[in-house]
Amino acid sequence: TIFGYPGGAVLPLYDAIYQHDDIHHILARHEQGALHEAEGFA
């Protein structure tokens, strides 16, 4: 499980996520949100 938000510098990684069946990506609506979501998970 990964919480995240895409942008230009991570496009290669997001392209790999698109093709990876074992990664569950949660699209946050703000990067601070992604970090707190990861905190709640942990």
PDB file of all heavy atoms in Angstrom:
ATOM      1  N   THR A   1       0.836  -1.201   0.000  1.00  0.00           N
ATOM      2  CA  THR A   1       0.000   0.000   0.000  1.00  0.00           C
ATOM      3  C   THR A   1       0.869   1.248   0.000  1.00  0.00           C
ATOM      4  O   THR A   1       1.770   1.390   0.829  1.00  0.00           O
ATOM      5  CB  THR A   1      -0.927   0.020   1.226  1.00  0.00           C
ATOM      6  OG1 THR A   1      -1.757  -1.147   1.203  1.00  0.00           O
ATOM      7  CG2 THR A   1      -1.810   1.259   1.220  1.00  0.00           C
ATOM      8  N   ILE A   2       0.587   2.151  -0.940  1.00  0.00           N
ATOM      9  CA  ILE A   2       1.305   3.419  -1.056  1.00  0.00           C
ATOM     10  C   ILE A   2       0.272   4.540  -1.150  1.00  0.00           C
ATOM     11  O   ILE A   2      -0.709   4.438  -1.887  1.00  0.00           O
ATOM     12  CB  ILE A   2       2.198   3.455  -2.313  1.00  0.00           C
ATOM     13  CG1 ILE A   2       3.265   2.369  -2.270  1.00  0.00           C
ATOM     14  CG2 ILE A   2       2.860   4.817  -2.471  1.00  0.00           C
ATOM     15  CD1 ILE A   2       4.092   2.289  -3.550  1.00  0.00           C
ATOM     16  N   PHE A   3       0.513   5.623  -0.427  1.00  0.00           N
ATOM     17  CA  PHE A   3      -0.315   6.824  -0.523  1.00  0.00           C
ATOM     18  C   PHE A   3       0.492   7.871  -1.280  1.00  0.00           C
ATOM     19  O   PHE A   3       1.661   8.127  -0.955  1.00  0.00           O
ATOM     20  CB  PHE A   3      -0.668   7.347   0.869  1.00  0.00           C
ATOM     21  CG  PHE A   3      -1.414   6.347   1.713  1.00  0.00           C
ATOM     22  CD1 PHE A   3      -0.721   5.459   2.522  1.00  0.00           C
ATOM     23  CD2 PHE A   3      -2.792   6.278   1.680  1.00  0.00           C
ATOM     24  CE1 PHE A   3      -1.396   4.518   3.298  1.00  0.00           C
ATOM     25  CE2 PHE A   3      -3.481   5.338   2.441  1.00  0.00           C
ATOM     26  CZ  PHE A   3      -2.777   4.462   3.254  1.00  0.00           C
ATOM     27  N   GLY A   4      -0.096   8.474  -2.307  1.00  0.00           N
ATOM     28  CA  GLY A   4       0.722   9.380  -3.083  1.00  0.00           C
ATOM     29  C   GLY A   4      -0.035  10.345  -3.961  1.00  0.00           C
ATOM     30  O   GLY A   4      -1.280  10.354  -4.013  1.00  0.00           O
ATOM     31  N   TYR A   5       0.761  11.158  -4.667  1.00  0.00           N
ATOM     32  CA  TYR A   5       0.232  12.171  -5.580  1.00  0.00           C
ATOM     33  C   TYR A   5       1.271  12.368  -6.683  1.00  0.00           C
ATOM     34  O   TYR A   5       2.422  12.685  -6.400  1.00  0.00           O
ATOM     35  CB  TYR A   5       0.000  13.486  -4.825  1.00  0.00           C
ATOM     36  CG  TYR A   5      -0.959  14.429  -5.508  1.00  0.00           C
ATOM     37  CD1 TYR A   5      -2.312  14.423  -5.172  1.00  0.00           C
ATOM     38  CD2 TYR A   5      -0.517  15.331  -6.471  1.00  0.00           C
ATOM     39  CE1 TYR A   5      -3.197  15.289  -5.786  1.00  0.00           C
ATOM     40  CE2 TYR A   5      -1.396  16.203  -7.090  1.00  0.00           C
ATOM     41  CZ  TYR A   5      -2.740  16.182  -6.751  1.00  0.00           C
ATOM     42  OH  TYR A   5      -3.623  17.028  -7.352  1.00  0.00           O
ATOM     43  N   PRO A   6       0.891  12.176  -7.954  1.00  0.00           N
ATOM     44  CA  PRO A   6       1.886  12.187  -9.035  1.00  0.00           C
ATOM     45  C   PRO A   6       2.322  13.589  -9.442  1.00  0.00           C
ATOM     46  O   PRO A   6       1.694  14.590  -9.116  1.00  0.00           O
ATOM     47  CB  PRO A   6       1.158  11.488 -10.181  1.00  0.00           C
ATOM     48  CG  PRO A   6      -0.284  11.762  -9.910  1.00  0.00           C
ATOM     49  CD  PRO A   6      -0.445  11.802  -8.424  1.00  0.00           C
ATOM     50  N   GLY A   7       3.419  13.620 -10.159  1.00  0.00           N
ATOM     51  CA  GLY A   7       3.959  14.856 -10.719  1.00  0.00           C
ATOM     52  C   GLY A   7       5.085  14.503 -11.676  1.00  0.00           C
ATOM     53  O   GLY A   7       5.472  13.329 -11.792  1.00  0.00           O
ATOM     54  N   GLY A   8       5.624  15.498 -12.340  1.00  0.00           N
ATOM     55  CA  GLY A   8       6.572  15.259 -13.421  1.00  0.00           C
ATOM     56  C   GLY A   8       7.752  14.393 -13.049  1.00  0.00           C
ATOM     57  O   GLY A   8       8.124  13.471 -13.787  1.00  0.00           O
ATOM     58  N   ALA A   9       8.370  14.645 -11.901  1.00  0.00           N
ATOM     59  CA  ALA A   9       9.600  13.943 -11.548  1.00  0.00           C
ATOM     60  C   ALA A   9       9.372  12.480 -11.181  1.00  0.00           C
ATOM     61  O   ALA A   9      10.332  11.702 -11.144  1.00  0.00           O
ATOM     62  CB  ALA A   9      10.296  14.659 -10.393  1.00  0.00           C
ATOM     63  N   VAL A  10       8.131  12.097 -10.897  1.00  0.00           N
ATOM     64  CA  VAL A  10       7.859  10.700 -10.521  1.00  0.00           C
ATOM     65  C   VAL A  10       7.041   9.968 -11.587  1.00  0.00           C
ATOM     66  O   VAL A  10       6.521   8.880 -11.334  1.00  0.00           O
ATOM     67  CB  VAL A  10       7.145  10.598  -9.145  1.00  0.00           C
ATOM     68  CG1 VAL A  10       8.120  10.922  -8.022  1.00  0.00           C
ATOM     69  CG2 VAL A  10       5.922  11.497  -9.080  1.00  0.00           C
ATOM     70  N   LEU A  11       6.946  10.533 -12.775  1.00  0.00           N
ATOM     71  CA  LEU A  11       6.187   9.858 -13.827  1.00  0.00           C
ATOM     72  C   LEU A  11       6.733   8.468 -14.164  1.00  0.00           C
ATOM     73  O   LEU A  11       5.945   7.535 -14.390  1.00  0.00           O
ATOM     74  CB  LEU A  11       6.128  10.728 -15.081  1.00  0.00           C
ATOM     75  CG  LEU A  11       5.163  11.930 -15.004  1.00  0.00           C
ATOM     76  CD1 LEU A  11       5.218  12.737 -16.279  1.00  0.00           C
ATOM     77  CD2 LEU A  11       3.740  11.469 -14.711  1.00  0.00           C
ATOM     78  N   PRO A  12       8.051   8.234 -14.187  1.00  0.00           N
ATOM     79  CA  PRO A  12       8.518   6.867 -14.438  1.00  0.00           C
ATOM     80  C   PRO A  12       8.024   5.883 -13.370  1.00  0.00           C
ATOM     81  O   PRO A  12       7.674   4.742 -13.694  1.00  0.00           O
ATOM     82  CB  PRO A  12      10.047   7.007 -14.398  1.00  0.00           C
ATOM     83  CG  PRO A  12      10.307   8.422 -14.751  1.00  0.00           C
ATOM     84  CD  PRO A  12       9.180   9.189 -14.144  1.00  0.00           C
ATOM     85  N   LEU A  13       7.978   6.344 -12.125  1.00  0.00           N
ATOM     86  CA  LEU A  13       7.525   5.470 -11.047  1.00  0.00           C
ATOM     87  C   LEU A  13       6.019   5.220 -11.145  1.00  0.00           C
ATOM     88  O   LEU A  13       5.543   4.099 -10.937  1.00  0.00           O
ATOM     89  CB  LEU A  13       7.891   6.096  -9.705  1.00  0.00           C
ATOM     90  CG  LEU A  13       7.774   5.229  -8.451  1.00  0.00           C
ATOM     91  CD1 LEU A  13       8.394   3.854  -8.641  1.00  0.00           C
ATOM     92  CD2 LEU A  13       8.417   5.940  -7.272  1.00  0.00           C
ATOM     93  N   TYR A  14       5.250   6.239 -11.509  1.00  0.00           N
ATOM     94  CA  TYR A  14       3.808   6.047 -11.650  1.00  0.00           C
ATOM     95  C   TYR A  14       3.489   5.168 -12.862  1.00  0.00           C
ATOM     96  O   TYR A  14       2.509   4.412 -12.853  1.00  0.00           O
ATOM     97  CB  TYR A  14       3.081   7.394 -11.719  1.00  0.00           C
ATOM     98  CG  TYR A  14       2.706   7.868 -10.338  1.00  0.00           C
ATOM     99  CD1 TYR A  14       3.573   8.661  -9.592  1.00  0.00           C
ATOM    100  CD2 TYR A  14       1.516   7.476  -9.736  1.00  0.00           C
ATOM    101  CE1 TYR A  14       3.259   9.060  -8.308  1.00  0.00           C
ATOM    102  CE2 TYR A  14       1.182   7.871  -8.452  1.00  0.00           C
ATOM    103  CZ  TYR A  14       2.055   8.659  -7.737  1.00  0.00           C
ATOM    104  OH  TYR A  14       1.739   9.031  -6.454  1.00  0.00           O
ATOM    105  N   ASP A  15       4.302   5.251 -13.881  1.00  0.00           N
ATOM    106  CA  ASP A  15       4.094   4.368 -15.025  1.00  0.00           C
ATOM    107  C   ASP A  15       4.331   2.905 -14.619  1.00  0.00           C
ATOM    108  O   ASP A  15       3.600   2.007 -15.063  1.00  0.00           O
ATOM    109  CB  ASP A  15       5.037   4.764 -16.163  1.00  0.00           C
ATOM    110  CG  ASP A  15       4.689   4.066 -17.471  1.00  0.00           C
ATOM    111  OD1 ASP A  15       3.526   4.171 -17.912  1.00  0.00           O
ATOM    112  OD2 ASP A  15       5.570   3.392 -18.042  1.00  0.00           O
ATOM    113  N   ALA A  16       5.317   2.705 -13.763  1.00  0.00           N
ATOM    114  CA  ALA A  16       5.581   1.343 -13.273  1.00  0.00           C
ATOM    115  C   ALA A  16       4.451   0.858 -12.368  1.00  0.00           C
ATOM    116  O   ALA A  16       4.064  -0.313 -12.412  1.00  0.00           O
ATOM    117  CB  ALA A  16       6.916   1.307 -12.528  1.00  0.00           C
ATOM    118  N   ILE A  17       3.899   1.767 -11.544  1.00  0.00           N
ATOM    119  CA  ILE A  17       2.765   1.399 -10.682  1.00  0.00           C
ATOM    120  C   ILE A  17       1.582   0.961 -11.533  1.00  0.00           C
ATOM    121  O   ILE A  17       0.877  -0.006 -11.205  1.00  0.00           O
ATOM    122  CB  ILE A  17       2.391   2.591  -9.768  1.00  0.00           C
ATOM    123  CG1 ILE A  17       3.456   2.789  -8.685  1.00  0.00           C
ATOM    124  CG2 ILE A  17       1.013   2.386  -9.121  1.00  0.00           C
ATOM    125  CD1 ILE A  17       3.282   4.058  -7.869  1.00  0.00           C
ATOM    126  N   TYR A  18       1.344   1.669 -12.624  1.00  0.00           N
ATOM    127  CA  TYR A  18       0.230   1.355 -13.520  1.00  0.00           C
ATOM    128  C   TYR A  18       0.311  -0.078 -14.022  1.00  0.00           C
ATOM    129  O   TYR A  18      -0.718  -0.731 -14.252  1.00  0.00           O
ATOM    130  CB  TYR A  18       0.268   2.338 -14.701  1.00  0.00           C
ATOM    131  CG  TYR A  18      -0.889   2.221 -15.665  1.00  0.00           C
ATOM    132  CD1 TYR A  18      -2.102   2.854 -15.395  1.00  0.00           C
ATOM    133  CD2 TYR A  18      -0.765   1.494 -16.857  1.00  0.00           C
ATOM    134  CE1 TYR A  18      -3.165   2.768 -16.280  1.00  0.00           C
ATOM    135  CE2 TYR A  18      -1.823   1.396 -17.745  1.00  0.00           C
ATOM    136  CZ  TYR A  18      -3.019   2.032 -17.455  1.00  0.00           C
ATOM    137  OH  TYR A  18      -4.076   1.947 -18.334  1.00  0.00           O
ATOM    138  N   GLN A  19       1.523  -0.588 -14.159  1.00  0.00           N
ATOM    139  CA  GLN A  19       1.723  -1.923 -14.719  1.00  0.00           C
ATOM    140  C   GLN A  19       2.018  -2.984 -13.659  1.00  0.00           C
ATOM    141  O   GLN A  19       2.289  -4.132 -14.007  1.00  0.00           O
ATOM    142  CB  GLN A  19       2.885  -1.876 -15.723  1.00  0.00           C
ATOM    143  CG  GLN A  19       2.669  -0.884 -16.867  1.00  0.00           C
ATOM    144  CD  GLN A  19       3.874  -0.767 -17.768  1.00  0.00           C
ATOM    145  OE1 GLN A  19       4.205  -1.701 -18.505  1.00  0.00           O
ATOM    146  NE2 GLN A  19       4.557   0.377 -17.711  1.00  0.00           N
ATOM    147  N   HIS A  20       1.974  -2.593 -12.385  1.00  0.00           N
ATOM    148  CA  HIS A  20       2.343  -3.522 -11.308  1.00  0.00           C
ATOM    149  C   HIS A  20       1.087  -3.978 -10.565  1.00  0.00           C
ATOM    150  O   HIS A  20       0.411  -3.181  -9.929  1.00  0.00           O
ATOM    151  CB  HIS A  20       3.320  -2.847 -10.340  1.00  0.00           C
ATOM    152  CG  HIS A  20       4.211  -3.805  -9.617  1.00  0.00           C
ATOM    153  ND1 HIS A  20       3.732  -4.722  -8.705  1.00  0.00           N
ATOM    154  CD2 HIS A  20       5.555  -3.997  -9.665  1.00  0.00           C
ATOM    155  CE1 HIS A  20       4.743  -5.421  -8.221  1.00  0.00           C
ATOM    156  NE2 HIS A  20       5.857  -5.012  -8.798  1.00  0.00           N
ATOM    157  N   ASP A  21       0.787  -5.263 -10.618  1.00  0.00           N
ATOM    158  CA  ASP A  21      -0.464  -5.779 -10.054  1.00  0.00           C
ATOM    159  C   ASP A  21      -0.471  -5.836  -8.529  1.00  0.00           C
ATOM    160  O   ASP A  21      -1.539  -5.899  -7.912  1.00  0.00           O
ATOM    161  CB  ASP A  21      -0.746  -7.186 -10.600  1.00  0.00           C
ATOM    162  CG  ASP A  21      -1.020  -7.182 -12.097  1.00  0.00           C
ATOM    163  OD1 ASP A  21      -1.465  -6.131 -12.604  1.00  0.00           O
ATOM    164  OD2 ASP A  21      -0.774  -8.217 -12.746  1.00  0.00           O
ATOM    165  N   ASP A  22       0.700  -5.855  -7.899  1.00  0.00           N
ATOM    166  CA  ASP A  22       0.763  -6.090  -6.458  1.00  0.00           C
ATOM    167  C   ASP A  22       0.857  -4.815  -5.628  1.00  0.00           C
ATOM    168  O   ASP A  22       0.961  -4.888  -4.406  1.00  0.00           O
ATOM    169  CB  ASP A  22       1.964  -6.993  -6.122  1.00  0.00           C
ATOM    170  CG  ASP A  22       1.799  -8.388  -6.697  1.00  0.00           C
ATOM    171  OD1 ASP A  22       0.656  -8.881  -6.739  1.00  0.00           O
ATOM    172  OD2 ASP A  22       2.812  -8.984  -7.120  1.00  0.00           O
ATOM    173  N   ILE A  23       0.836  -3.671  -6.266  1.00  0.00           N
ATOM    174  CA  ILE A  23       0.915  -2.400  -5.541  1.00  0.00           C
ATOM    175  C   ILE A  23      -0.464  -1.746  -5.518  1.00  0.00           C
ATOM    176  O   ILE A  23      -1.091  -1.562  -6.557  1.00  0.00           O
ATOM    177  CB  ILE A  23       1.942  -1.448  -6.189  1.00  0.00           C
ATOM    178  CG1 ILE A  23       3.355  -1.999  -6.027  1.00  0.00           C
ATOM    179  CG2 ILE A  23       1.839  -0.052  -5.573  1.00  0.00           C
ATOM    180  CD1 ILE A  23       3.871  -2.065  -4.605  1.00  0.00           C
ATOM    181  N   HIS A  24      -0.920  -1.414  -4.320  1.00  0.00           N
ATOM    182  CA  HIS A  24      -2.206  -0.737  -4.131  1.00  0.00           C
ATOM    183  C   HIS A  24      -1.911   0.731  -3.834  1.00  0.00           C
ATOM    184  O   HIS A  24      -1.475   1.071  -2.733  1.00  0.00           O
ATOM    185  CB  HIS A  24      -2.973  -1.389  -2.962  1.00  0.00           C
ATOM    186  CG  HIS A  24      -4.328  -0.820  -2.747  1.00  0.00           C
ATOM    187  ND1 HIS A  24      -4.943  -0.796  -1.514  1.00  0.00           N
ATOM    188  CD2 HIS A  24      -5.211  -0.249  -3.606  1.00  0.00           C
ATOM    189  CE1 HIS A  24      -6.130  -0.227  -1.614  1.00  0.00           C
ATOM    190  NE2 HIS A  24      -6.317   0.102  -2.884  1.00  0.00           N
ATOM    191  N   HIS A  25      -2.132   1.600  -4.803  1.00  0.00           N
ATOM    192  CA  HIS A  25      -1.851   3.024  -4.651  1.00  0.00           C
ATOM    193  C   HIS A  25      -3.127   3.783  -4.330  1.00  0.00           C
ATOM    194  O   HIS A  25      -4.154   3.606  -4.987  1.00  0.00           O
ATOM    195  CB  HIS A  25      -1.222   3.588  -5.930  1.00  0.00           C
ATOM    196  CG  HIS A  25      -0.888   5.047  -5.839  1.00  0.00           C
ATOM    197  ND1 HIS A  25      -1.811   6.039  -6.078  1.00  0.00           N
ATOM    198  CD2 HIS A  25       0.275   5.672  -5.515  1.00  0.00           C
ATOM    199  CE1 HIS A  25      -1.240   7.214  -5.908  1.00  0.00           C
ATOM    200  NE2 HIS A  25       0.033   7.018  -5.574  1.00  0.00           N
ATOM    201  N   ILE A  26      -3.069   4.617  -3.295  1.00  0.00           N
ATOM    202  CA  ILE A  26      -4.206   5.454  -2.898  1.00  0.00           C
ATOM    203  C   ILE A  26      -3.891   6.879  -3.335  1.00  0.00           C
ATOM    204  O   ILE A  26      -2.894   7.477  -2.900  1.00  0.00           O
ATOM    205  CB  ILE A  26      -4.431   5.424  -1.371  1.00  0.00           C
ATOM    206  CG1 ILE A  26      -4.501   3.979  -0.861  1.00  0.00           C
ATOM    207  CG2 ILE A  26      -5.685   6.209  -1.007  1.00  0.00           C
ATOM    208  CD1 ILE A  26      -5.615   3.157  -1.446  1.00  0.00           C
ATOM    209  N   LEU A  27      -4.732   7.442  -4.194  1.00  0.00           N
ATOM    210  CA  LEU A  27      -4.519   8.796  -4.705  1.00  0.00           C
ATOM    211  C   LEU A  27      -5.047   9.817  -3.709  1.00  0.00           C
ATOM    212  O   LEU A  27      -6.262   9.999  -3.561  1.00  0.00           O
ATOM    213  CB  LEU A  27      -5.203   8.975  -6.059  1.00  0.00           C
ATOM    214  CG  LEU A  27      -5.096  10.373  -6.680  1.00  0.00           C
ATOM    215  CD1 LEU A  27      -3.641  10.766  -6.905  1.00  0.00           C
ATOM    216  CD2 LEU A  27      -5.903  10.437  -7.977  1.00  0.00           C
ATOM    217  N   ALA A  28      -4.140  10.471  -3.003  1.00  0.00           N
ATOM    218  CA  ALA A  28      -4.519  11.549  -2.089  1.00  0.00           C
ATOM    219  C   ALA A  28      -4.952  12.767  -2.898  1.00  0.00           C
ATOM    220  O   ALA A  28      -4.855  12.785  -4.126  1.00  0.00           O
ATOM    221  CB  ALA A  28      -3.341  11.890  -1.181  1.00  0.00           C
ATOM    222  N   ARG A  29      -5.418  13.795  -2.186  1.00  0.00           N
ATOM    223  CA  ARG A  29      -5.786  15.027  -2.873  1.00  0.00           C
ATOM    224  C   ARG A  29      -4.818  16.173  -2.553  1.00  0.00           C
ATOM    225  O   ARG A  29      -4.975  17.282  -3.052  1.00  0.00           O
ATOM    226  CB  ARG A  29      -7.230  15.435  -2.505  1.00  0.00           C
ATOM    227  CG  ARG A  29      -8.283  14.420  -2.959  1.00  0.00           C
ATOM    228  CD  ARG A  29      -8.211  14.157  -4.459  1.00  0.00           C
ATOM    229  NE  ARG A  29      -9.314  13.351  -4.941  1.00  0.00           N
ATOM    230  CZ  ARG A  29      -9.277  12.039  -5.097  1.00  0.00           C
ATOM    231  NH1 ARG A  29      -8.170  11.355  -4.800  1.00  0.00           N
ATOM    232  NH2 ARG A  29     -10.331  11.371  -5.548  1.00  0.00           N
ATOM    233  N   HIS A  30      -3.825  15.883  -1.735  1.00  0.00           N
ATOM    234  CA  HIS A  30      -2.779  16.842  -1.391  1.00  0.00           C
ATOM    235  C   HIS A  30      -1.647  16.038  -0.767  1.00  0.00           C
ATOM    236  O   HIS A  30      -1.889  15.022  -0.108  1.00  0.00           O
ATOM    237  CB  HIS A  30      -3.306  17.878  -0.387  1.00  0.00           C
ATOM    238  CG  HIS A  30      -2.376  19.024  -0.116  1.00  0.00           C
ATOM    239  ND1 HIS A  30      -1.305  18.918   0.745  1.00  0.00           N
ATOM    240  CD2 HIS A  30      -2.362  20.307  -0.573  1.00  0.00           C
ATOM    241  CE1 HIS A  30      -0.663  20.081   0.800  1.00  0.00           C
ATOM    242  NE2 HIS A  30      -1.289  20.943   0.003  1.00  0.00           N
ATOM    243  N   GLU A  31      -0.417  16.485  -0.992  1.00  0.00           N
ATOM    244  CA  GLU A  31       0.719  15.708  -0.472  1.00  0.00           C
ATOM    245  C   GLU A  31       0.712  15.605   1.051  1.00  0.00           C
ATOM    246  O   GLU A  31       1.075  14.565   1.612  1.00  0.00           O
ATOM    247  CB  GLU A  31       2.038  16.329  -0.946  1.00  0.00           C
ATOM    248  CG  GLU A  31       2.311  16.138  -2.430  1.00  0.00           C
ATOM    249  CD  GLU A  31       1.767  17.240  -3.309  1.00  0.00           C
ATOM    250  OE1 GLU A  31       1.073  18.138  -2.764  1.00  0.00           O
ATOM    251  OE2 GLU A  31       2.010  17.207  -4.537  1.00  0.00           O
ATOM    252  N   GLN A  32       0.299  16.664   1.743  1.00  0.00           N
ATOM    253  CA  GLN A  32       0.211  16.557   3.202  1.00  0.00           C
ATOM    254  C   GLN A  32      -0.784  15.475   3.590  1.00  0.00           C
ATOM    255  O   GLN A  32      -0.558  14.709   4.525  1.00  0.00           O
ATOM    256  CB  GLN A  32      -0.197  17.885   3.834  1.00  0.00           C
ATOM    257  CG  GLN A  32      -0.241  17.817   5.367  1.00  0.00           C
ATOM    258  CD  GLN A  32      -0.615  19.148   6.010  1.00  0.00           C
ATOM    259  OE1 GLN A  32      -0.570  20.194   5.369  1.00  0.00           O
ATOM    260  NE2 GLN A  32      -0.979  19.108   7.273  1.00  0.00           N
ATOM    261  N   GLY A  33      -1.897  15.391   2.831  1.00  0.00           N
ATOM    262  CA  GLY A  33      -2.870  14.334   3.080  1.00  0.00           C
ATOM    263  C   GLY A  33      -2.263  12.959   2.912  1.00  0.00           C
ATOM    264  O   GLY A  33      -2.508  12.051   3.712  1.00  0.00           O
ATOM    265  N   ALA A  34      -1.456  12.774   1.884  1.00  0.00           N
ATOM    266  CA  ALA A  34      -0.823  11.472   1.649  1.00  0.00           C
ATOM    267  C   ALA A  34       0.045  11.064   2.828  1.00  0.00           C
ATOM    268  O   ALA A  34       0.060   9.896   3.242  1.00  0.00           O
ATOM    269  CB  ALA A  34       0.011  11.525   0.372  1.00  0.00           C
ATOM    270  N   LEU A  35       0.787  12.025   3.380  1.00  0.00           N
ATOM    271  CA  LEU A  35       1.666  11.714   4.515  1.00  0.00           C
ATOM    272  C   LEU A  35       0.862  11.335   5.753  1.00  0.00           C
ATOM    273  O   LEU A  35       1.184  10.367   6.451  1.00  0.00           O
ATOM    274  CB  LEU A  35       2.573  12.907   4.816  1.00  0.00           C
ATOM    275  CG  LEU A  35       3.941  12.926   4.123  1.00  0.00           C
ATOM    276  CD1 LEU A  35       4.851  11.843   4.675  1.00  0.00           C
ATOM    277  CD2 LEU A  35       3.827  12.784   2.618  1.00  0.00           C
ATOM    278  N   HIS A  36      -0.208  12.083   6.046  1.00  0.00           N
ATOM    279  CA  HIS A  36      -1.025  11.758   7.219  1.00  0.00           C
ATOM    280  C   HIS A  36      -1.782  10.439   7.023  1.00  0.00           C
ATOM    281  O   HIS A  36      -2.030   9.707   7.987  1.00  0.00           O
ATOM    282  CB  HIS A  36      -2.005  12.891   7.524  1.00  0.00           C
ATOM    283  CG  HIS A  36      -1.348  14.163   7.955  1.00  0.00           C
ATOM    284  ND1 HIS A  36      -0.205  14.199   8.725  1.00  0.00           N
ATOM    285  CD2 HIS A  36      -1.681  15.465   7.730  1.00  0.00           C
ATOM    286  CE1 HIS A  36       0.139  15.459   8.958  1.00  0.00           C
ATOM    287  NE2 HIS A  36      -0.738  16.243   8.358  1.00  0.00           N
ATOM    288  N   GLU A  37      -2.151  10.141   5.780  1.00  0.00           N
ATOM    289  CA  GLU A  37      -2.780   8.845   5.513  1.00  0.00           C
ATOM    290  C   GLU A  37      -1.799   7.711   5.803  1.00  0.00           C
ATOM    291  O   GLU A  37      -2.160   6.697   6.423  1.00  0.00           O
ATOM    292  CB  GLU A  37      -3.268   8.807   4.056  1.00  0.00           C
ATOM    293  CG  GLU A  37      -4.566   9.572   3.859  1.00  0.00           C
ATOM    294  CD  GLU A  37      -4.734  10.203   2.492  1.00  0.00           C
ATOM    295  OE1 GLU A  37      -4.019   9.814   1.548  1.00  0.00           O
ATOM    296  OE2 GLU A  37      -5.587  11.113   2.376  1.00  0.00           O
ATOM    297  N   ALA A  38      -0.553   7.897   5.408  1.00  0.00           N
ATOM    298  CA  ALA A  38       0.472   6.902   5.724  1.00  0.00           C
ATOM    299  C   ALA A  38       0.677   6.788   7.227  1.00  0.00           C
ATOM    300  O   ALA A  38       0.889   5.688   7.754  1.00  0.00           O
ATOM    301  CB  ALA A  38       1.782   7.268   5.036  1.00  0.00           C
ATOM    302  N   GLU A  39       0.586   7.906   7.927  1.00  0.00           N
ATOM    303  CA  GLU A  39       0.705   7.885   9.393  1.00  0.00           C
ATOM    304  C   GLU A  39      -0.447   7.115  10.035  1.00  0.00           C
ATOM    305  O   GLU A  39      -0.233   6.315  10.955  1.00  0.00           O
ATOM    306  CB  GLU A  39       0.704   9.307   9.943  1.00  0.00           C
ATOM    307  CG  GLU A  39       2.002  10.051   9.813  1.00  0.00           C
ATOM    308  CD  GLU A  39       1.973  11.342  10.610  1.00  0.00           C
ATOM    309  OE1 GLU A  39       1.481  12.357  10.075  1.00  0.00           O
ATOM    310  OE2 GLU A  39       2.419  11.338  11.774  1.00  0.00           O
ATOM    311  N   GLY A  40      -1.666   7.380   9.573  1.00  0.00           N
ATOM    312  CA  GLY A  40      -2.815   6.667  10.130  1.00  0.00           C
ATOM    313  C   GLY A  40      -2.702   5.178   9.900  1.00  0.00           C
ATOM    314  O   GLY A  40      -3.034   4.365  10.779  1.00  0.00           O
ATOM    315  N   PHE A  41      -2.233   4.790   8.722  1.00  0.00           N
ATOM    316  CA  PHE A  41      -2.001   3.382   8.395  1.00  0.00           C
ATOM    317  C   PHE A  41      -0.986   2.791   9.368  1.00  0.00           C
ATOM    318  O   PHE A  41      -1.196   1.713   9.938  1.00  0.00           O
ATOM    319  CB  PHE A  41      -1.486   3.282   6.960  1.00  0.00           C
ATOM    320  CG  PHE A  41      -1.280   1.894   6.438  1.00  0.00           C
ATOM    321  CD1 PHE A  41      -2.262   1.267   5.692  1.00  0.00           C
ATOM    322  CD2 PHE A  41      -0.103   1.198   6.701  1.00  0.00           C
ATOM    323  CE1 PHE A  41      -2.075  -0.023   5.198  1.00  0.00           C
ATOM    324  CE2 PHE A  41       0.106  -0.084   6.223  1.00  0.00           C
ATOM    325  CZ  PHE A  41      -0.888  -0.699   5.473  1.00  0.00           C
ATOM    326  N   ALA A  42       0.122   3.498   9.593  1.00  0.00           N
ATOM    327  CA  ALA A  42       1.199   2.980  10.441  1.00  0.00           C
ATOM    328  C   ALA A  42       0.821   2.974  11.911  1.00  0.00           C
ATOM    329  O   ALA A  42       1.070   1.985  12.625  1.00  0.00           O
ATOM    330  CB  ALA A  42       2.463   3.819  10.224  1.00  0.00           C
TER     331      ALA A  42
END
